[in-house]
Amino acid sequence: MKTTIKKHLKVHIRRGDRVKILAGRHRNEQGTVLKVFPKVYRAIVDGMNIVARHVKPSASNPKGTIQRQPSPIHISNLMLIDPASGEATRVGRKHNEVGKLQRYAKKTGNFIKNV
């Protein structure tokens, strides 16, 4: 019997971060992260990857509607924008002066403040 190990990858993007989209229809565009789903390694970015959702008629809405809402994007297609320099950068983790593990921009070496 083969056993599978579920490994959760570390998510380097948090809610409120500015990100650059690396792939897909919205490539090279920037947006703010609204919500992160760490178990499925996806995030919702404001105004990006909009899909149409058909809502069935109900008592409160007898005609039914088509809602436009953002769909999650895989986190591998997102890159954090350094708040200090405004450029896209990779993210690392290291201890700050207090000894707390904190995110930092690998391009500049500056710590990224938690929003």
Foldseek 3Di string as FASTA:
>chain_A
DDDDDQDFDDQPDDAQFKKAFCDDPRHRDIFGWHDADRSVQWTWTPPPQWDWDWAAADPVRRVTDIDIDTDIDHRVRIFTQAPVPRHTFHWDWDADPVRDIFIAGPVVRHTHDDD
